[in-house]
Amino acid sequence: MPGDVGHCLATHPIRTWLPGDLGAFPESGPTAGLVVAWLRVTADRTTENPMNLDTTTMTPSTTTLQPPVVYEPGLGHVQCWSLPTDEDTLWMLLKDVFQGYWQDIHFGTMVPGAVWEVRAPNAPLRVGLLDGYATIDFGAWHFHLCIGHFAGAPAEEAAQRRTGRAEFYRVLGREGAPRSWGLRMFTVAGAQQITVFLPNPFLDGEGRLAVTPDWSRLAAWDWLRGQYLQLPPDPLDRAGAGPVCGG
């Protein structure tokens, strides 16, 4: 399973340290080039700058501002890239992810106390949009996400259902380098709609720990960031050595 929590539960039932332990997060290493340019606080996050990071990070061709590193209880240190939440953008994003990468992803929800990591049984038979709801249908089962205006409820209630926050994210490991990558969406009311666990170079296609990192498995992450954020591949994504557990 590409999601860190599920893999840890399966392979490390006894843990000697807690994921996201601030004391385990380094003050130096490959994250020295990360930026904490602004602070972002949400109901379930604590903004952190445990490494006293620099304000810019160098890529091969440009100097790029990075989003802040934030601490999320139960997940660890996370960086997020916000995405537009208009219906057209989210509709295209869902089609790109589920029609283009259905064989490579796991998806579900990831909240404190529960993680669902579902693998598609086949290519989606139908990807549709009706009355603000996107439907991804695999035949035997399907799911719906409210990404636009829904006319079937009072306006105030309907507005709370639709996506109010969408983001690409990566979780940083104990050494400060990324260890997992994904997409997640939340309603205006703050409920998580979906988490998509993108292919992880530290795991093989069956969810087992890889002997050596397979950086080609970052292709989906690189393409989606380029397509929706106009960002080039980030060398930091290839700076870690695993394992994926803990943060």
C-alpha atoms as a PDB file:
ATOM      1  CA  MET A   1       0.000   0.000   0.000  1.00  0.00           C
ATOM      2  CA  PRO A   2       1.475   3.359  -0.928  1.00  0.00           C
ATOM      3  CA  GLY A   3      -0.026   5.218   2.020  1.00  0.00           C
ATOM      4  CA  ASP A   4       2.453   5.461   4.876  1.00  0.00           C
ATOM      5  CA  VAL A   5      -0.004   4.639   7.658  1.00  0.00           C
ATOM      6  CA  GLY A   6      -1.298   1.434   6.126  1.00  0.00           C
ATOM      7  CA  HIS A   7       2.194   0.199   5.329  1.00  0.00           C
ATOM      8  CA  CYS A   8       3.447   0.964   8.822  1.00  0.00           C
ATOM      9  CA  LEU A   9       0.537  -0.835  10.456  1.00  0.00           C
ATOM     10  CA  ALA A  10       1.177  -3.873   8.290  1.00  0.00           C
ATOM     11  CA  THR A  11       4.938  -4.073   8.775  1.00  0.00           C
ATOM     12  CA  HIS A  12       5.697  -2.316  12.063  1.00  0.00           C
ATOM     13  CA  PRO A  13       2.993  -3.149  14.641  1.00  0.00           C
ATOM     14  CA  ILE A  14       5.334  -2.093  17.467  1.00  0.00           C
ATOM     15  CA  ARG A  15       6.775   1.389  17.138  1.00  0.00           C
ATOM     16  CA  THR A  16       9.504   2.896  19.285  1.00  0.00           C
ATOM     17  CA  TRP A  17       8.790   6.479  18.218  1.00  0.00           C
ATOM     18  CA  LEU A  18       5.813   8.453  17.058  1.00  0.00           C
ATOM     19  CA  PRO A  19       5.302   9.650  13.465  1.00  0.00           C
ATOM     20  CA  GLY A  20       5.772  13.374  13.296  1.00  0.00           C
ATOM     21  CA  ASP A  21       7.843  13.489  16.490  1.00  0.00           C
ATOM     22  CA  LEU A  22       9.272  16.999  16.473  1.00  0.00           C
ATOM     23  CA  GLY A  23      12.328  15.818  18.313  1.00  0.00           C
ATOM     24  CA  ALA A  24      13.158  13.439  15.468  1.00  0.00           C
ATOM     25  CA  PHE A  25      12.944  16.114  12.786  1.00  0.00           C
ATOM     26  CA  PRO A  26      16.461  17.224  11.749  1.00  0.00           C
ATOM     27  CA  GLU A  27      17.938  20.671  11.770  1.00  0.00           C
ATOM     28  CA  SER A  28      20.078  19.938   8.734  1.00  0.00           C
ATOM     29  CA  GLY A  29      20.142  17.698   5.683  1.00  0.00           C
ATOM     30  CA  PRO A  30      18.528  17.765   2.246  1.00  0.00           C
ATOM     31  CA  THR A  31      15.808  20.134   3.447  1.00  0.00           C
ATOM     32  CA  ALA A  32      18.253  22.968   3.979  1.00  0.00           C
ATOM     33  CA  GLY A  33      16.954  24.528   0.774  1.00  0.00           C
ATOM     34  CA  LEU A  34      13.264  24.488   1.713  1.00  0.00           C
ATOM     35  CA  VAL A  35      11.488  27.773   2.294  1.00  0.00           C
ATOM     36  CA  VAL A  36       9.133  28.829   4.999  1.00  0.00           C
ATOM     37  CA  ALA A  37       7.870  32.004   3.330  1.00  0.00           C
ATOM     38  CA  TRP A  38       4.591  32.372   5.122  1.00  0.00           C
ATOM     39  CA  LEU A  39       2.615  30.713   7.906  1.00  0.00           C
ATOM     40  CA  ARG A  40      -0.489  28.676   7.281  1.00  0.00           C
ATOM     41  CA  VAL A  41      -2.747  27.637  10.135  1.00  0.00           C
ATOM     42  CA  THR A  42      -5.864  25.468   9.846  1.00  0.00           C
ATOM     43  CA  ALA A  43      -8.000  23.786  12.447  1.00  0.00           C
ATOM     44  CA  ASP A  44      -5.982  20.555  12.357  1.00  0.00           C
ATOM     45  CA  ARG A  45      -2.504  21.919  11.663  1.00  0.00           C
ATOM     46  CA  THR A  46       0.285  23.588  13.592  1.00  0.00           C
ATOM     47  CA  THR A  47       2.649  25.720  11.543  1.00  0.00           C
ATOM     48  CA  GLU A  48       6.232  24.765  12.238  1.00  0.00           C
ATOM     49  CA  ASN A  49       9.692  25.822  11.153  1.00  0.00           C
ATOM     50  CA  PRO A  50      11.668  23.279  13.163  1.00  0.00           C
ATOM     51  CA  MET A  51      14.707  23.462  10.907  1.00  0.00           C
ATOM     52  CA  ASN A  52      15.038  27.266  10.667  1.00  0.00           C
ATOM     53  CA  LEU A  53      14.922  26.853   6.916  1.00  0.00           C
ATOM     54  CA  ASP A  54      16.262  29.184   4.250  1.00  0.00           C
ATOM     55  CA  THR A  55      13.880  31.347   2.243  1.00  0.00           C
ATOM     56  CA  THR A  56      14.646  29.896  -1.184  1.00  0.00           C
ATOM     57  CA  THR A  57      15.546  26.595  -2.733  1.00  0.00           C
ATOM     58  CA  MET A  58      17.642  26.240  -5.871  1.00  0.00           C
ATOM     59  CA  THR A  59      16.536  24.112  -8.782  1.00  0.00           C
ATOM     60  CA  PRO A  60      18.830  23.429 -11.754  1.00  0.00           C
ATOM     61  CA  SER A  61      17.448  26.379 -13.707  1.00  0.00           C
ATOM     62  CA  THR A  62      15.664  28.708 -11.309  1.00  0.00           C
ATOM     63  CA  THR A  63      15.167  29.889  -7.747  1.00  0.00           C
ATOM     64  CA  THR A  64      11.744  28.726  -6.559  1.00  0.00           C
ATOM     65  CA  LEU A  65       9.761  29.662  -3.502  1.00  0.00           C
ATOM     66  CA  GLN A  66       8.495  26.575  -1.707  1.00  0.00           C
ATOM     67  CA  PRO A  67       5.354  26.373   0.435  1.00  0.00           C
ATOM     68  CA  PRO A  68       5.802  26.196   4.200  1.00  0.00           C
ATOM     69  CA  VAL A  69       6.448  23.037   6.148  1.00  0.00           C
ATOM     70  CA  VAL A  70       3.490  22.469   8.488  1.00  0.00           C
ATOM     71  CA  TYR A  71       3.003  19.879  11.178  1.00  0.00           C
ATOM     72  CA  GLU A  72      -0.181  17.797  11.055  1.00  0.00           C
ATOM     73  CA  PRO A  73      -0.897  15.551  14.055  1.00  0.00           C
ATOM     74  CA  GLY A  74      -0.791  11.893  13.057  1.00  0.00           C
ATOM     75  CA  LEU A  75       0.825  12.599   9.693  1.00  0.00           C
ATOM     76  CA  GLY A  76       3.940  14.599  10.430  1.00  0.00           C
ATOM     77  CA  HIS A  77       5.621  17.393   8.514  1.00  0.00           C
ATOM     78  CA  VAL A  78       3.838  18.251   5.293  1.00  0.00           C
ATOM     79  CA  GLN A  79       4.195  20.647   2.370  1.00  0.00           C
ATOM     80  CA  CYS A  80       1.084  21.573   0.369  1.00  0.00           C
ATOM     81  CA  TRP A  81       0.566  23.271  -2.987  1.00  0.00           C
ATOM     82  CA  SER A  82      -2.896  24.820  -3.225  1.00  0.00           C
ATOM     83  CA  LEU A  83      -4.951  24.206  -6.360  1.00  0.00           C
ATOM     84  CA  PRO A  84      -7.877  26.148  -7.834  1.00  0.00           C
ATOM     85  CA  THR A  85     -11.230  24.827  -6.668  1.00  0.00           C
ATOM     86  CA  ASP A  86     -13.415  25.869  -9.585  1.00  0.00           C
ATOM     87  CA  GLU A  87     -15.464  23.085 -11.121  1.00  0.00           C
ATOM     88  CA  ASP A  88     -13.643  23.048 -14.474  1.00  0.00           C
ATOM     89  CA  THR A  89     -10.193  22.660 -12.922  1.00  0.00           C
ATOM     90  CA  LEU A  90     -11.259  19.945 -10.487  1.00  0.00           C
ATOM     91  CA  TRP A  91     -13.124  18.083 -13.218  1.00  0.00           C
ATOM     92  CA  MET A  92     -10.035  18.023 -15.444  1.00  0.00           C
ATOM     93  CA  LEU A  93      -7.853  17.016 -12.493  1.00  0.00           C
ATOM     94  CA  LEU A  94     -10.059  14.079 -11.563  1.00  0.00           C
ATOM     95  CA  LYS A  95     -10.120  12.888 -15.170  1.00  0.00           C
ATOM     96  CA  ASP A  96      -6.339  13.166 -15.444  1.00  0.00           C
ATOM     97  CA  VAL A  97      -5.797  11.235 -12.209  1.00  0.00           C
ATOM     98  CA  PHE A  98      -8.399   8.494 -12.591  1.00  0.00           C
ATOM     99  CA  GLN A  99      -8.256   7.991 -16.345  1.00  0.00           C
ATOM    100  CA  GLY A 100      -4.505   8.462 -16.672  1.00  0.00           C
ATOM    101  CA  TYR A 101      -3.127   6.853 -13.524  1.00  0.00           C
ATOM    102  CA  TRP A 102      -5.797   4.446 -12.252  1.00  0.00           C
ATOM    103  CA  GLN A 103      -3.369   1.503 -12.400  1.00  0.00           C
ATOM    104  CA  ASP A 104      -0.756   3.241 -10.264  1.00  0.00           C
ATOM    105  CA  ILE A 105      -2.682   4.956  -7.478  1.00  0.00           C
ATOM    106  CA  HIS A 106      -4.460   4.069  -4.283  1.00  0.00           C
ATOM    107  CA  PHE A 107      -7.159   6.355  -2.936  1.00  0.00           C
ATOM    108  CA  GLY A 108      -9.663   6.786  -0.144  1.00  0.00           C
ATOM    109  CA  THR A 109      -9.699   8.997   2.918  1.00  0.00           C
ATOM    110  CA  MET A 110      -6.994   9.652   5.483  1.00  0.00           C
ATOM    111  CA  VAL A 111      -8.218  11.097   8.767  1.00  0.00           C
ATOM    112  CA  PRO A 112      -7.083  10.584  12.366  1.00  0.00           C
ATOM    113  CA  GLY A 113      -8.223   7.090  13.266  1.00  0.00           C
ATOM    114  CA  ALA A 114      -8.917   5.779   9.769  1.00  0.00           C
ATOM    115  CA  VAL A 115      -7.108   5.352   6.474  1.00  0.00           C
ATOM    116  CA  TRP A 116      -8.743   3.822   3.397  1.00  0.00           C
ATOM    117  CA  GLU A 117      -6.362   2.805   0.603  1.00  0.00           C
ATOM    118  CA  VAL A 118      -8.406   1.449  -2.287  1.00  0.00           C
ATOM    119  CA  ARG A 119      -6.998   0.179  -5.555  1.00  0.00           C
ATOM    120  CA  ALA A 120      -9.103   0.414  -8.708  1.00  0.00           C
ATOM    121  CA  PRO A 121     -10.126  -3.026 -10.044  1.00  0.00           C
ATOM    122  CA  ASN A 122     -10.023  -1.792 -13.636  1.00  0.00           C
ATOM    123  CA  ALA A 123     -10.083   1.387 -15.677  1.00  0.00           C
ATOM    124  CA  PRO A 124     -13.125   3.544 -14.869  1.00  0.00           C
ATOM    125  CA  LEU A 125     -16.065   2.633 -17.065  1.00  0.00           C
ATOM    126  CA  ARG A 126     -17.536   6.086 -16.711  1.00  0.00           C
ATOM    127  CA  VAL A 127     -16.260   9.443 -15.499  1.00  0.00           C
ATOM    128  CA  GLY A 128     -19.206  11.812 -15.434  1.00  0.00           C
ATOM    129  CA  LEU A 129     -20.301  15.180 -14.091  1.00  0.00           C
ATOM    130  CA  LEU A 130     -23.911  16.001 -13.200  1.00  0.00           C
ATOM    131  CA  ASP A 131     -25.347  18.775 -11.042  1.00  0.00           C
ATOM    132  CA  GLY A 132     -21.993  19.567  -9.469  1.00  0.00           C
ATOM    133  CA  TYR A 133     -21.115  15.960  -8.638  1.00  0.00           C
ATOM    134  CA  ALA A 134     -18.285  14.081 -10.338  1.00  0.00           C
ATOM    135  CA  THR A 135     -18.828  10.321 -10.553  1.00  0.00           C
ATOM    136  CA  ILE A 136     -15.986   7.836 -10.995  1.00  0.00           C
ATOM    137  CA  ASP A 137     -17.574   4.486 -11.867  1.00  0.00           C
ATOM    138  CA  PHE A 138     -15.586   1.238 -11.927  1.00  0.00           C
ATOM    139  CA  GLY A 139     -18.596  -0.975 -12.624  1.00  0.00           C
ATOM    140  CA  ALA A 140     -18.949  -2.975  -9.424  1.00  0.00           C
ATOM    141  CA  TRP A 141     -18.751   0.215  -7.379  1.00  0.00           C
ATOM    142  CA  HIS A 142     -18.368   3.948  -7.779  1.00  0.00           C
ATOM    143  CA  PHE A 143     -18.004   7.157  -5.796  1.00  0.00           C
ATOM    144  CA  HIS A 144     -19.199  10.766  -6.024  1.00  0.00           C
ATOM    145  CA  LEU A 145     -17.461  14.049  -5.220  1.00  0.00           C
ATOM    146  CA  CYS A 146     -19.207  17.419  -5.082  1.00  0.00           C
ATOM    147  CA  ILE A 147     -16.953  19.805  -7.004  1.00  0.00           C
ATOM    148  CA  GLY A 148     -19.466  22.384  -8.242  1.00  0.00           C
ATOM    149  CA  HIS A 149     -22.885  23.897  -7.741  1.00  0.00           C
ATOM    150  CA  PHE A 150     -25.468  21.390  -6.509  1.00  0.00           C
ATOM    151  CA  ALA A 151     -29.117  22.340  -7.047  1.00  0.00           C
ATOM    152  CA  GLY A 152     -30.600  19.589  -4.897  1.00  0.00           C
ATOM    153  CA  ALA A 153     -30.199  21.292  -1.524  1.00  0.00           C
ATOM    154  CA  PRO A 154     -30.718  24.747  -0.016  1.00  0.00           C
ATOM    155  CA  ALA A 155     -28.060  27.145  -1.266  1.00  0.00           C
ATOM    156  CA  GLU A 156     -26.220  27.463   2.057  1.00  0.00           C
ATOM    157  CA  GLU A 157     -26.125  23.703   2.605  1.00  0.00           C
ATOM    158  CA  ALA A 158     -25.115  23.020  -0.999  1.00  0.00           C
ATOM    159  CA  ALA A 159     -22.252  25.504  -0.734  1.00  0.00           C
ATOM    160  CA  GLN A 160     -20.805  23.586   2.231  1.00  0.00           C
ATOM    161  CA  ARG A 161     -20.729  20.335   0.239  1.00  0.00           C
ATOM    162  CA  ARG A 162     -18.518  21.406  -2.616  1.00  0.00           C
ATOM    163  CA  THR A 163     -14.736  21.378  -2.667  1.00  0.00           C
ATOM    164  CA  GLY A 164     -13.302  24.340  -0.800  1.00  0.00           C
ATOM    165  CA  ARG A 165      -9.685  23.221  -0.637  1.00  0.00           C
ATOM    166  CA  ALA A 166      -7.633  21.075  -2.997  1.00  0.00           C
ATOM    167  CA  GLU A 167      -3.903  20.512  -2.854  1.00  0.00           C
ATOM    168  CA  PHE A 168      -0.950  18.451  -3.866  1.00  0.00           C
ATOM    169  CA  TYR A 169       1.020  17.436  -0.794  1.00  0.00           C
ATOM    170  CA  ARG A 170       4.169  15.609   0.206  1.00  0.00           C
ATOM    171  CA  VAL A 171       5.106  14.257   3.628  1.00  0.00           C
ATOM    172  CA  LEU A 172       8.666  14.782   4.830  1.00  0.00           C
ATOM    173  CA  GLY A 173      10.523  11.982   6.571  1.00  0.00           C
ATOM    174  CA  ARG A 174      12.787  12.057   9.583  1.00  0.00           C
ATOM    175  CA  GLU A 175      15.775  13.154   7.504  1.00  0.00           C
ATOM    176  CA  GLY A 176      13.746  16.001   5.989  1.00  0.00           C
ATOM    177  CA  ALA A 177      13.350  14.586   2.474  1.00  0.00           C
ATOM    178  CA  PRO A 178       9.936  13.675   1.027  1.00  0.00           C
ATOM    179  CA  ARG A 179       8.698  10.143   1.709  1.00  0.00           C
ATOM    180  CA  SER A 180       5.164  10.184   0.245  1.00  0.00           C
ATOM    181  CA  TRP A 181       3.216  12.232  -2.301  1.00  0.00           C
ATOM    182  CA  GLY A 182      -0.454  12.768  -3.024  1.00  0.00           C
ATOM    183  CA  LEU A 183      -3.538  14.818  -3.779  1.00  0.00           C
ATOM    184  CA  ARG A 184      -6.321  15.614  -1.351  1.00  0.00           C
ATOM    185  CA  MET A 185      -9.588  17.516  -1.423  1.00  0.00           C
ATOM    186  CA  PHE A 186     -11.799  18.950   1.343  1.00  0.00           C
ATOM    187  CA  THR A 187     -15.284  20.413   1.387  1.00  0.00           C
ATOM    188  CA  VAL A 188     -15.966  24.053   2.198  1.00  0.00           C
ATOM    189  CA  ALA A 189     -17.114  22.782   5.600  1.00  0.00           C
ATOM    190  CA  GLY A 190     -13.693  21.181   6.139  1.00  0.00           C
ATOM    191  CA  ALA A 191     -14.535  17.485   5.713  1.00  0.00           C
ATOM    192  CA  GLN A 192     -12.062  15.433   3.724  1.00  0.00           C
ATOM    193  CA  GLN A 193     -13.503  14.274   0.401  1.00  0.00           C
ATOM    194  CA  ILE A 194     -10.641  12.168  -0.888  1.00  0.00           C
ATOM    195  CA  THR A 195      -6.926  11.466  -0.617  1.00  0.00           C
ATOM    196  CA  VAL A 196      -5.102  10.043  -3.626  1.00  0.00           C
ATOM    197  CA  PHE A 197      -1.839   8.292  -2.786  1.00  0.00           C
ATOM    198  CA  LEU A 198       0.433   8.771  -5.787  1.00  0.00           C
ATOM    199  CA  PRO A 199       3.090   6.199  -6.773  1.00  0.00           C
ATOM    200  CA  ASN A 200       5.900   6.076  -4.240  1.00  0.00           C
ATOM    201  CA  PRO A 201       9.531   5.403  -5.281  1.00  0.00           C
ATOM    202  CA  PHE A 202      10.187   3.632  -1.984  1.00  0.00           C
ATOM    203  CA  LEU A 203       7.481   1.043  -2.665  1.00  0.00           C
ATOM    204  CA  ASP A 204       7.032  -1.335  -5.573  1.00  0.00           C
ATOM    205  CA  GLY A 205       3.801  -1.759  -7.524  1.00  0.00           C
ATOM    206  CA  GLU A 206       2.480  -4.212  -4.918  1.00  0.00           C
ATOM    207  CA  GLY A 207       3.144  -1.910  -1.978  1.00  0.00           C
ATOM    208  CA  ARG A 208       6.249  -3.704  -0.725  1.00  0.00           C
ATOM    209  CA  LEU A 209       9.399  -1.835   0.291  1.00  0.00           C
ATOM    210  CA  ALA A 210      11.670  -1.420  -2.716  1.00  0.00           C
ATOM    211  CA  VAL A 211      15.280  -2.571  -2.456  1.00  0.00           C
ATOM    212  CA  THR A 212      16.378   0.718  -4.001  1.00  0.00           C
ATOM    213  CA  PRO A 213      14.273   3.796  -4.783  1.00  0.00           C
ATOM    214  CA  ASP A 214      12.611   3.735  -8.200  1.00  0.00           C
ATOM    215  CA  TRP A 215      12.517   7.421  -9.094  1.00  0.00           C
ATOM    216  CA  SER A 216      10.514   6.728 -12.248  1.00  0.00           C
ATOM    217  CA  ARG A 217       7.522   6.277  -9.923  1.00  0.00           C
ATOM    218  CA  LEU A 218       7.534  10.045  -9.398  1.00  0.00           C
ATOM    219  CA  ALA A 219       6.362  10.513 -12.997  1.00  0.00           C
ATOM    220  CA  ALA A 220       2.731  11.108 -11.978  1.00  0.00           C
ATOM    221  CA  TRP A 221       3.733  13.629  -9.302  1.00  0.00           C
ATOM    222  CA  ASP A 222       6.046  15.469 -11.697  1.00  0.00           C
ATOM    223  CA  TRP A 223       3.471  15.554 -14.500  1.00  0.00           C
ATOM    224  CA  LEU A 224       0.606  16.747 -12.299  1.00  0.00           C
ATOM    225  CA  ARG A 225       2.714  19.512 -10.745  1.00  0.00           C
ATOM    226  CA  GLY A 226       3.839  20.610 -14.174  1.00  0.00           C
ATOM    227  CA  GLN A 227       0.332  20.516 -15.615  1.00  0.00           C
ATOM    228  CA  TYR A 228      -1.498  22.275 -12.777  1.00  0.00           C
ATOM    229  CA  LEU A 229       1.199  24.390 -11.119  1.00  0.00           C
ATOM    230  CA  GLN A 230       3.654  24.932 -13.988  1.00  0.00           C
ATOM    231  CA  LEU A 231       6.457  23.680 -11.745  1.00  0.00           C
ATOM    232  CA  PRO A 232       9.488  21.671 -12.891  1.00  0.00           C
ATOM    233  CA  PRO A 233      10.576  18.467 -11.146  1.00  0.00           C
ATOM    234  CA  ASP A 234      12.058  19.220  -7.733  1.00  0.00           C
ATOM    235  CA  PRO A 235      15.445  17.638  -6.912  1.00  0.00           C
ATOM    236  CA  LEU A 236      14.377  17.405  -3.269  1.00  0.00           C
ATOM    237  CA  ASP A 237      11.845  14.741  -4.235  1.00  0.00           C
ATOM    238  CA  ARG A 238      14.774  12.489  -5.139  1.00  0.00           C
ATOM    239  CA  ALA A 239      16.902  13.294  -2.104  1.00  0.00           C
ATOM    240  CA  GLY A 240      15.535  10.679   0.303  1.00  0.00           C
ATOM    241  CA  ALA A 241      16.569   7.127   0.908  1.00  0.00           C
ATOM    242  CA  GLY A 242      13.466   5.819   2.695  1.00  0.00           C
ATOM    243  CA  PRO A 243      11.960   4.045   4.481  1.00  0.00           C
ATOM    244  CA  VAL A 244       8.509   5.533   4.199  1.00  0.00           C
ATOM    245  CA  CYS A 245       7.366   4.976   7.792  1.00  0.00           C
ATOM    246  CA  GLY A 246       7.417   7.773  10.319  1.00  0.00           C
ATOM    247  CA  GLY A 247       7.831  11.487   9.945  1.00  0.00           C
END
